[in-house]
């Protein structure tokens, strides 16, 4: 069963089996599809990764090694 919206900030959904109640009510902290303001500095722009990918491919990496190389380089670039 999916969550049923009640008004703008709230929803009702089925409670977990170990709960004493049949339904649970809650509210969404942030609307679906939006990025919270405190996480926006960590977003990458469209062209930020293209140079990193070409560098990692130039090192002859592919598959899992390519992904690890990209994640490492992005982490180094974004470390604050």
PDB file of N, CA and C in Angstrom:
ATOM      1  N   UNK A   1       0.845  -1.169   0.000  1.00  0.00           N
ATOM      2  CA  UNK A   1       0.000   0.000   0.000  1.00  0.00           C
ATOM      3  C   UNK A   1       0.892   1.234   0.000  1.00  0.00           C
ATOM      4  N   UNK A   2       0.593   2.144  -0.869  1.00  0.00           N
ATOM      5  CA  UNK A   2       1.384   3.362  -0.930  1.00  0.00           C
ATOM      6  C   UNK A   2       0.828   4.399   0.028  1.00  0.00           C
ATOM      7  N   UNK A   3       1.588   5.438   0.224  1.00  0.00           N
ATOM      8  CA  UNK A   3       1.152   6.516   1.114  1.00  0.00           C
ATOM      9  C   UNK A   3       0.050   7.322   0.444  1.00  0.00           C
ATOM     10  N   UNK A   4      -0.945   7.669   1.194  1.00  0.00           N
ATOM     11  CA  UNK A   4      -2.064   8.472   0.707  1.00  0.00           C
ATOM     12  C   UNK A   4      -1.891   9.876   1.258  1.00  0.00           C
ATOM     13  N   UNK A   5      -1.776  10.881   0.369  1.00  0.00           N
ATOM     14  CA  UNK A   5      -1.594  12.248   0.874  1.00  0.00           C
ATOM     15  C   UNK A   5      -2.871  12.778   1.519  1.00  0.00           C
ATOM     16  N   UNK A   6      -2.705  13.444   2.650  1.00  0.00           N
ATOM     17  CA  UNK A   6      -3.814  14.131   3.307  1.00  0.00           C
ATOM     18  C   UNK A   6      -3.389  15.584   3.468  1.00  0.00           C
ATOM     19  N   UNK A   7      -3.889  16.427   2.627  1.00  0.00           N
ATOM     20  CA  UNK A   7      -3.448  17.809   2.662  1.00  0.00           C
ATOM     21  C   UNK A   7      -2.071  17.926   2.032  1.00  0.00           C
ATOM     22  N   UNK A   8      -1.472  19.071   2.147  1.00  0.00           N
ATOM     23  CA  UNK A   8      -0.178  19.295   1.520  1.00  0.00           C
ATOM     24  C   UNK A   8       0.981  18.619   2.261  1.00  0.00           C
ATOM     25  N   UNK A   9       1.161  18.791   3.569  1.00  0.00           N
ATOM     26  CA  UNK A   9       2.378  18.253   4.189  1.00  0.00           C
ATOM     27  C   UNK A   9       2.249  16.833   4.720  1.00  0.00           C
ATOM     28  N   UNK A  10       1.054  16.254   4.797  1.00  0.00           N
ATOM     29  CA  UNK A  10       0.912  14.989   5.489  1.00  0.00           C
ATOM     30  C   UNK A  10       0.585  13.816   4.591  1.00  0.00           C
ATOM     31  N   UNK A  11       0.725  12.599   5.154  1.00  0.00           N
ATOM     32  CA  UNK A  11       0.369  11.381   4.452  1.00  0.00           C
ATOM     33  C   UNK A  11      -0.046  10.319   5.460  1.00  0.00           C
ATOM     34  N   UNK A  12      -0.764   9.322   4.971  1.00  0.00           N
ATOM     35  CA  UNK A  12      -1.165   8.168   5.769  1.00  0.00           C
ATOM     36  C   UNK A  12      -0.701   6.934   5.016  1.00  0.00           C
ATOM     37  N   UNK A  13      -0.092   5.989   5.698  1.00  0.00           N
ATOM     38  CA  UNK A  13       0.328   4.738   5.076  1.00  0.00           C
ATOM     39  C   UNK A  13       0.155   3.599   6.071  1.00  0.00           C
ATOM     40  N   UNK A  14       0.283   2.386   5.568  1.00  0.00           N
ATOM     41  CA  UNK A  14       0.140   1.209   6.407  1.00  0.00           C
ATOM     42  C   UNK A  14       1.320   1.120   7.365  1.00  0.00           C
ATOM     43  N   UNK A  15       1.032   0.795   8.609  1.00  0.00           N
ATOM     44  CA  UNK A  15       2.080   0.708   9.628  1.00  0.00           C
ATOM     45  C   UNK A  15       2.834  -0.624   9.482  1.00  0.00           C
ATOM     46  N   UNK A  16       4.036  -0.706  10.025  1.00  0.00           N
ATOM     47  CA  UNK A  16       4.776  -1.962   9.991  1.00  0.00           C
ATOM     48  C   UNK A  16       4.058  -3.049  10.791  1.00  0.00           C
ATOM     49  N   UNK A  17       4.316  -4.316  10.492  1.00  0.00           N
ATOM     50  CA  UNK A  17       3.594  -5.391  11.155  1.00  0.00           C
ATOM     51  C   UNK A  17       3.802  -5.444  12.668  1.00  0.00           C
ATOM     52  N   UNK A  18       4.926  -4.973  13.157  1.00  0.00           N
ATOM     53  CA  UNK A  18       5.190  -5.037  14.592  1.00  0.00           C
ATOM     54  C   UNK A  18       4.543  -3.888  15.357  1.00  0.00           C
ATOM     55  N   UNK A  19       3.909  -2.961  14.634  1.00  0.00           N
ATOM     56  CA  UNK A  19       3.281  -1.812  15.274  1.00  0.00           C
ATOM     57  C   UNK A  19       1.958  -2.206  15.929  1.00  0.00           C
ATOM     58  N   UNK A  20       1.530  -1.421  16.885  1.00  0.00           N
ATOM     59  CA  UNK A  20       0.256  -1.671  17.553  1.00  0.00           C
ATOM     60  C   UNK A  20      -0.913  -1.093  16.772  1.00  0.00           C
ATOM     61  N   UNK A  21      -0.631  -0.265  15.780  1.00  0.00           N
ATOM     62  CA  UNK A  21      -1.684   0.396  15.014  1.00  0.00           C
ATOM     63  C   UNK A  21      -1.678  -0.110  13.576  1.00  0.00           C
ATOM     64  N   UNK A  22      -2.802   0.085  12.892  1.00  0.00           N
ATOM     65  CA  UNK A  22      -2.908  -0.360  11.514  1.00  0.00           C
ATOM     66  C   UNK A  22      -2.322   0.640  10.528  1.00  0.00           C
ATOM     67  N   UNK A  23      -2.411   1.929  10.853  1.00  0.00           N
ATOM     68  CA  UNK A  23      -1.945   2.978   9.961  1.00  0.00           C
ATOM     69  C   UNK A  23      -1.009   3.918  10.699  1.00  0.00           C
ATOM     70  N   UNK A  24      -0.177   4.596   9.932  1.00  0.00           N
ATOM     71  CA  UNK A  24       0.692   5.615  10.519  1.00  0.00           C
ATOM     72  C   UNK A  24       0.526   6.909   9.745  1.00  0.00           C
ATOM     73  N   UNK A  25       0.658   8.004  10.452  1.00  0.00           N
ATOM     74  CA  UNK A  25       0.582   9.327   9.841  1.00  0.00           C
ATOM     75  C   UNK A  25       1.958   9.972   9.914  1.00  0.00           C
ATOM     76  N   UNK A  26       2.261  10.763   8.942  1.00  0.00           N
ATOM     77  CA  UNK A  26       3.542  11.444   8.936  1.00  0.00           C
ATOM     78  C   UNK A  26       3.496  12.660   8.044  1.00  0.00           C
ATOM     79  N   UNK A  27       4.626  13.323   7.948  1.00  0.00           N
ATOM     80  CA  UNK A  27       4.733  14.457   7.044  1.00  0.00           C
ATOM     81  C   UNK A  27       6.071  14.370   6.334  1.00  0.00           C
ATOM     82  N   UNK A  28       6.097  14.887   5.129  1.00  0.00           N
ATOM     83  CA  UNK A  28       7.318  14.877   4.348  1.00  0.00           C
ATOM     84  C   UNK A  28       8.185  16.059   4.753  1.00  0.00           C
ATOM     85  N   UNK A  29       9.462  15.795   4.989  1.00  0.00           N
ATOM     86  CA  UNK A  29      10.366  16.875   5.348  1.00  0.00           C
ATOM     87  C   UNK A  29      10.621  17.810   4.171  1.00  0.00           C
ATOM     88  N   UNK A  30      10.721  17.229   2.975  1.00  0.00           N
ATOM     89  CA  UNK A  30      10.947  17.994   1.759  1.00  0.00           C
ATOM     90  C   UNK A  30      10.060  17.415   0.672  1.00  0.00           C
ATOM     91  N   UNK A  31       9.540  18.236  -0.220  1.00  0.00           N
ATOM     92  CA  UNK A  31       8.673  17.716  -1.269  1.00  0.00           C
ATOM     93  C   UNK A  31       9.426  16.766  -2.196  1.00  0.00           C
ATOM     94  N   UNK A  32       8.751  15.769  -2.748  1.00  0.00           N
ATOM     95  CA  UNK A  32       9.418  14.824  -3.640  1.00  0.00           C
ATOM     96  C   UNK A  32       9.974  15.517  -4.887  1.00  0.00           C
ATOM     97  N   UNK A  33      11.153  15.109  -5.282  1.00  0.00           N
ATOM     98  CA  UNK A  33      11.767  15.661  -6.481  1.00  0.00           C
ATOM     99  C   UNK A  33      12.568  16.927  -6.268  1.00  0.00           C
ATOM    100  N   UNK A  34      12.605  17.451  -5.069  1.00  0.00           N
ATOM    101  CA  UNK A  34      13.381  18.666  -4.822  1.00  0.00           C
ATOM    102  C   UNK A  34      14.604  18.327  -3.972  1.00  0.00           C
ATOM    103  N   UNK A  35      15.626  19.132  -4.107  1.00  0.00           N
ATOM    104  CA  UNK A  35      16.848  18.946  -3.337  1.00  0.00           C
ATOM    105  C   UNK A  35      16.798  19.889  -2.141  1.00  0.00           C
ATOM    106  N   UNK A  36      17.014  19.353  -0.936  1.00  0.00           N
ATOM    107  CA  UNK A  36      17.016  20.222   0.237  1.00  0.00           C
ATOM    108  C   UNK A  36      18.119  21.280   0.135  1.00  0.00           C
ATOM    109  N   UNK A  37      17.871  22.463   0.670  1.00  0.00           N
ATOM    110  CA  UNK A  37      18.854  23.551   0.542  1.00  0.00           C
ATOM    111  C   UNK A  37      20.217  23.230   1.138  1.00  0.00           C
ATOM    112  N   UNK A  38      20.254  22.428   2.196  1.00  0.00           N
ATOM    113  CA  UNK A  38      21.549  22.143   2.822  1.00  0.00           C
ATOM    114  C   UNK A  38      22.366  21.135   2.021  1.00  0.00           C
ATOM    115  N   UNK A  39      21.784  20.471   1.009  1.00  0.00           N
ATOM    116  CA  UNK A  39      22.528  19.525   0.178  1.00  0.00           C
ATOM    117  C   UNK A  39      22.909  20.099  -1.186  1.00  0.00           C
ATOM    118  N   UNK A  40      22.439  21.283  -1.518  1.00  0.00           N
ATOM    119  CA  UNK A  40      22.725  21.863  -2.830  1.00  0.00           C
ATOM    120  C   UNK A  40      24.208  22.111  -3.079  1.00  0.00           C
ATOM    121  N   UNK A  41      25.026  22.472  -2.094  1.00  0.00           N
ATOM    122  CA  UNK A  41      26.456  22.655  -2.386  1.00  0.00           C
ATOM    123  C   UNK A  41      27.165  21.380  -2.828  1.00  0.00           C
ATOM    124  N   UNK A  42      26.596  20.218  -2.538  1.00  0.00           N
ATOM    125  CA  UNK A  42      27.234  18.959  -2.883  1.00  0.00           C
ATOM    126  C   UNK A  42      26.835  18.446  -4.259  1.00  0.00           C
ATOM    127  N   UNK A  43      25.909  19.121  -4.938  1.00  0.00           N
ATOM    128  CA  UNK A  43      25.509  18.704  -6.276  1.00  0.00           C
ATOM    129  C   UNK A  43      26.618  19.008  -7.271  1.00  0.00           C
ATOM    130  N   UNK A  44      26.738  18.147  -8.250  1.00  0.00           N
ATOM    131  CA  UNK A  44      27.706  18.379  -9.311  1.00  0.00           C
ATOM    132  C   UNK A  44      27.006  19.048 -10.481  1.00  0.00           C
ATOM    133  N   UNK A  45      27.672  19.950 -11.124  1.00  0.00           N
ATOM    134  CA  UNK A  45      27.139  20.582 -12.314  1.00  0.00           C
ATOM    135  C   UNK A  45      27.278  19.616 -13.490  1.00  0.00           C
ATOM    136  N   UNK A  46      26.660  19.948 -14.608  1.00  0.00           N
ATOM    137  CA  UNK A  46      26.595  19.032 -15.739  1.00  0.00           C
ATOM    138  C   UNK A  46      27.976  18.667 -16.290  1.00  0.00           C
ATOM    139  N   UNK A  47      28.881  19.600 -16.395  1.00  0.00           N
ATOM    140  CA  UNK A  47      30.181  19.326 -16.995  1.00  0.00           C
ATOM    141  C   UNK A  47      31.284  18.996 -16.009  1.00  0.00           C
ATOM    142  N   UNK A  48      30.990  18.923 -14.725  1.00  0.00           N
ATOM    143  CA  UNK A  48      32.030  18.695 -13.712  1.00  0.00           C
ATOM    144  C   UNK A  48      32.686  17.327 -13.829  1.00  0.00           C
ATOM    145  N   UNK A  49      31.942  16.318 -14.230  1.00  0.00           N
ATOM    146  CA  UNK A  49      32.445  14.950 -14.185  1.00  0.00           C
ATOM    147  C   UNK A  49      33.049  14.518 -15.516  1.00  0.00           C
ATOM    148  N   UNK A  50      32.739  15.223 -16.603  1.00  0.00           N
ATOM    149  CA  UNK A  50      33.197  14.768 -17.918  1.00  0.00           C
ATOM    150  C   UNK A  50      34.728  14.719 -18.009  1.00  0.00           C
ATOM    151  N   UNK A  51      35.421  15.701 -17.458  1.00  0.00           N
ATOM    152  CA  UNK A  51      36.885  15.677 -17.466  1.00  0.00           C
ATOM    153  C   UNK A  51      37.447  14.558 -16.618  1.00  0.00           C
ATOM    154  N   UNK A  52      36.812  14.293 -15.493  1.00  0.00           N
ATOM    155  CA  UNK A  52      37.259  13.220 -14.606  1.00  0.00           C
ATOM    156  C   UNK A  52      37.082  11.859 -15.277  1.00  0.00           C
ATOM    157  N   UNK A  53      35.955  11.680 -15.970  1.00  0.00           N
ATOM    158  CA  UNK A  53      35.690  10.404 -16.648  1.00  0.00           C
ATOM    159  C   UNK A  53      36.712  10.174 -17.752  1.00  0.00           C
ATOM    160  N   UNK A  54      37.007  11.205 -18.518  1.00  0.00           N
ATOM    161  CA  UNK A  54      37.987  11.031 -19.596  1.00  0.00           C
ATOM    162  C   UNK A  54      39.380  10.736 -19.032  1.00  0.00           C
ATOM    163  N   UNK A  55      39.743  11.352 -17.904  1.00  0.00           N
ATOM    164  CA  UNK A  55      41.034  11.052 -17.278  1.00  0.00           C
ATOM    165  C   UNK A  55      41.105   9.608 -16.805  1.00  0.00           C
ATOM    166  N   UNK A  56      40.032   9.127 -16.186  1.00  0.00           N
ATOM    167  CA  UNK A  56      40.028   7.753 -15.680  1.00  0.00           C
ATOM    168  C   UNK A  56      40.043   6.743 -16.827  1.00  0.00           C
ATOM    169  N   UNK A  57      39.323   7.045 -17.909  1.00  0.00           N
ATOM    170  CA  UNK A  57      39.359   6.149 -19.076  1.00  0.00           C
ATOM    171  C   UNK A  57      40.729   6.181 -19.735  1.00  0.00           C
ATOM    172  N   UNK A  58      41.396   7.337 -19.684  1.00  0.00           N
ATOM    173  CA  UNK A  58      42.745   7.448 -20.230  1.00  0.00           C
ATOM    174  C   UNK A  58      43.754   6.610 -19.469  1.00  0.00           C
ATOM    175  N   UNK A  59      43.449   6.318 -18.207  1.00  0.00           N
ATOM    176  CA  UNK A  59      44.317   5.457 -17.404  1.00  0.00           C
ATOM    177  C   UNK A  59      44.073   3.982 -17.698  1.00  0.00           C
ATOM    178  N   UNK A  60      43.140   3.687 -18.598  1.00  0.00           N
ATOM    179  CA  UNK A  60      42.863   2.306 -18.990  1.00  0.00           C
ATOM    180  C   UNK A  60      41.916   1.586 -18.049  1.00  0.00           C
ATOM    181  N   UNK A  61      41.137   2.303 -17.299  1.00  0.00           N
ATOM    182  CA  UNK A  61      40.224   1.672 -16.347  1.00  0.00           C
ATOM    183  C   UNK A  61      38.859   1.472 -16.991  1.00  0.00           C
ATOM    184  N   UNK A  62      38.200   0.400 -16.571  1.00  0.00           N
ATOM    185  CA  UNK A  62      36.845   0.136 -17.050  1.00  0.00           C
ATOM    186  C   UNK A  62      36.105  -0.635 -15.971  1.00  0.00           C
ATOM    187  N   UNK A  63      34.796  -0.643 -16.085  1.00  0.00           N
ATOM    188  CA  UNK A  63      33.966  -1.388 -15.137  1.00  0.00           C
ATOM    189  C   UNK A  63      34.033  -0.815 -13.734  1.00  0.00           C
ATOM    190  N   UNK A  64      34.238  -1.713 -12.761  1.00  0.00           N
ATOM    191  CA  UNK A  64      34.261  -1.308 -11.356  1.00  0.00           C
ATOM    192  C   UNK A  64      35.433  -0.373 -11.054  1.00  0.00           C
ATOM    193  N   UNK A  65      36.565  -0.613 -11.686  1.00  0.00           N
ATOM    194  CA  UNK A  65      37.725   0.245 -11.462  1.00  0.00           C
ATOM    195  C   UNK A  65      37.462   1.662 -11.955  1.00  0.00           C
ATOM    196  N   UNK A  66      36.698   1.795 -13.052  1.00  0.00           N
ATOM    197  CA  UNK A  66      36.347   3.119 -13.571  1.00  0.00           C
ATOM    198  C   UNK A  66      35.445   3.855 -12.592  1.00  0.00           C
ATOM    199  N   UNK A  67      34.467   3.147 -12.054  1.00  0.00           N
ATOM    200  CA  UNK A  67      33.551   3.763 -11.091  1.00  0.00           C
ATOM    201  C   UNK A  67      34.301   4.192  -9.839  1.00  0.00           C
ATOM    202  N   UNK A  68      35.189   3.353  -9.335  1.00  0.00           N
ATOM    203  CA  UNK A  68      35.985   3.713  -8.152  1.00  0.00           C
ATOM    204  C   UNK A  68      36.871   4.930  -8.420  1.00  0.00           C
ATOM    205  N   UNK A  69      37.452   4.972  -9.600  1.00  0.00           N
ATOM    206  CA  UNK A  69      38.302   6.107  -9.965  1.00  0.00           C
ATOM    207  C   UNK A  69      37.485   7.392 -10.008  1.00  0.00           C
ATOM    208  N   UNK A  70      36.297   7.327 -10.621  1.00  0.00           N
ATOM    209  CA  UNK A  70      35.446   8.520 -10.710  1.00  0.00           C
ATOM    210  C   UNK A  70      35.023   8.978  -9.328  1.00  0.00           C
ATOM    211  N   UNK A  71      34.570   8.046  -8.483  1.00  0.00           N
ATOM    212  CA  UNK A  71      34.146   8.414  -7.129  1.00  0.00           C
ATOM    213  C   UNK A  71      35.297   9.010  -6.330  1.00  0.00           C
ATOM    214  N   UNK A  72      36.483   8.443  -6.471  1.00  0.00           N
ATOM    215  CA  UNK A  72      37.639   8.965  -5.743  1.00  0.00           C
ATOM    216  C   UNK A  72      37.980  10.375  -6.194  1.00  0.00           C
ATOM    217  N   UNK A  73      38.013  10.584  -7.513  1.00  0.00           N
ATOM    218  CA  UNK A  73      38.363  11.903  -8.036  1.00  0.00           C
ATOM    219  C   UNK A  73      37.309  12.956  -7.685  1.00  0.00           C
ATOM    220  N   UNK A  74      36.027  12.572  -7.744  1.00  0.00           N
ATOM    221  CA  UNK A  74      34.971  13.505  -7.380  1.00  0.00           C
ATOM    222  C   UNK A  74      35.060  13.836  -5.891  1.00  0.00           C
ATOM    223  N   UNK A  75      35.352  12.835  -5.061  1.00  0.00           N
ATOM    224  CA  UNK A  75      35.510  13.076  -3.633  1.00  0.00           C
ATOM    225  C   UNK A  75      36.663  14.016  -3.335  1.00  0.00           C
ATOM    226  N   UNK A  76      37.765  13.847  -4.039  1.00  0.00           N
ATOM    227  CA  UNK A  76      38.920  14.724  -3.840  1.00  0.00           C
ATOM    228  C   UNK A  76      38.576  16.141  -4.280  1.00  0.00           C
ATOM    229  N   UNK A  77      37.850  16.249  -5.409  1.00  0.00           N
ATOM    230  CA  UNK A  77      37.509  17.568  -5.928  1.00  0.00           C
ATOM    231  C   UNK A  77      36.502  18.280  -5.019  1.00  0.00           C
ATOM    232  N   UNK A  78      35.576  17.534  -4.434  1.00  0.00           N
ATOM    233  CA  UNK A  78      34.516  18.125  -3.616  1.00  0.00           C
ATOM    234  C   UNK A  78      34.855  18.204  -2.145  1.00  0.00           C
ATOM    235  N   UNK A  79      35.973  17.660  -1.713  1.00  0.00           N
ATOM    236  CA  UNK A  79      36.287  17.693  -0.283  1.00  0.00           C
ATOM    237  C   UNK A  79      36.454  19.131   0.164  1.00  0.00           C
ATOM    238  N   UNK A  80      35.924  19.398   1.337  1.00  0.00           N
ATOM    239  CA  UNK A  80      35.949  20.768   1.845  1.00  0.00           C
ATOM    240  C   UNK A  80      36.669  20.822   3.159  1.00  0.00           C
TER     241      UNK A  80
END
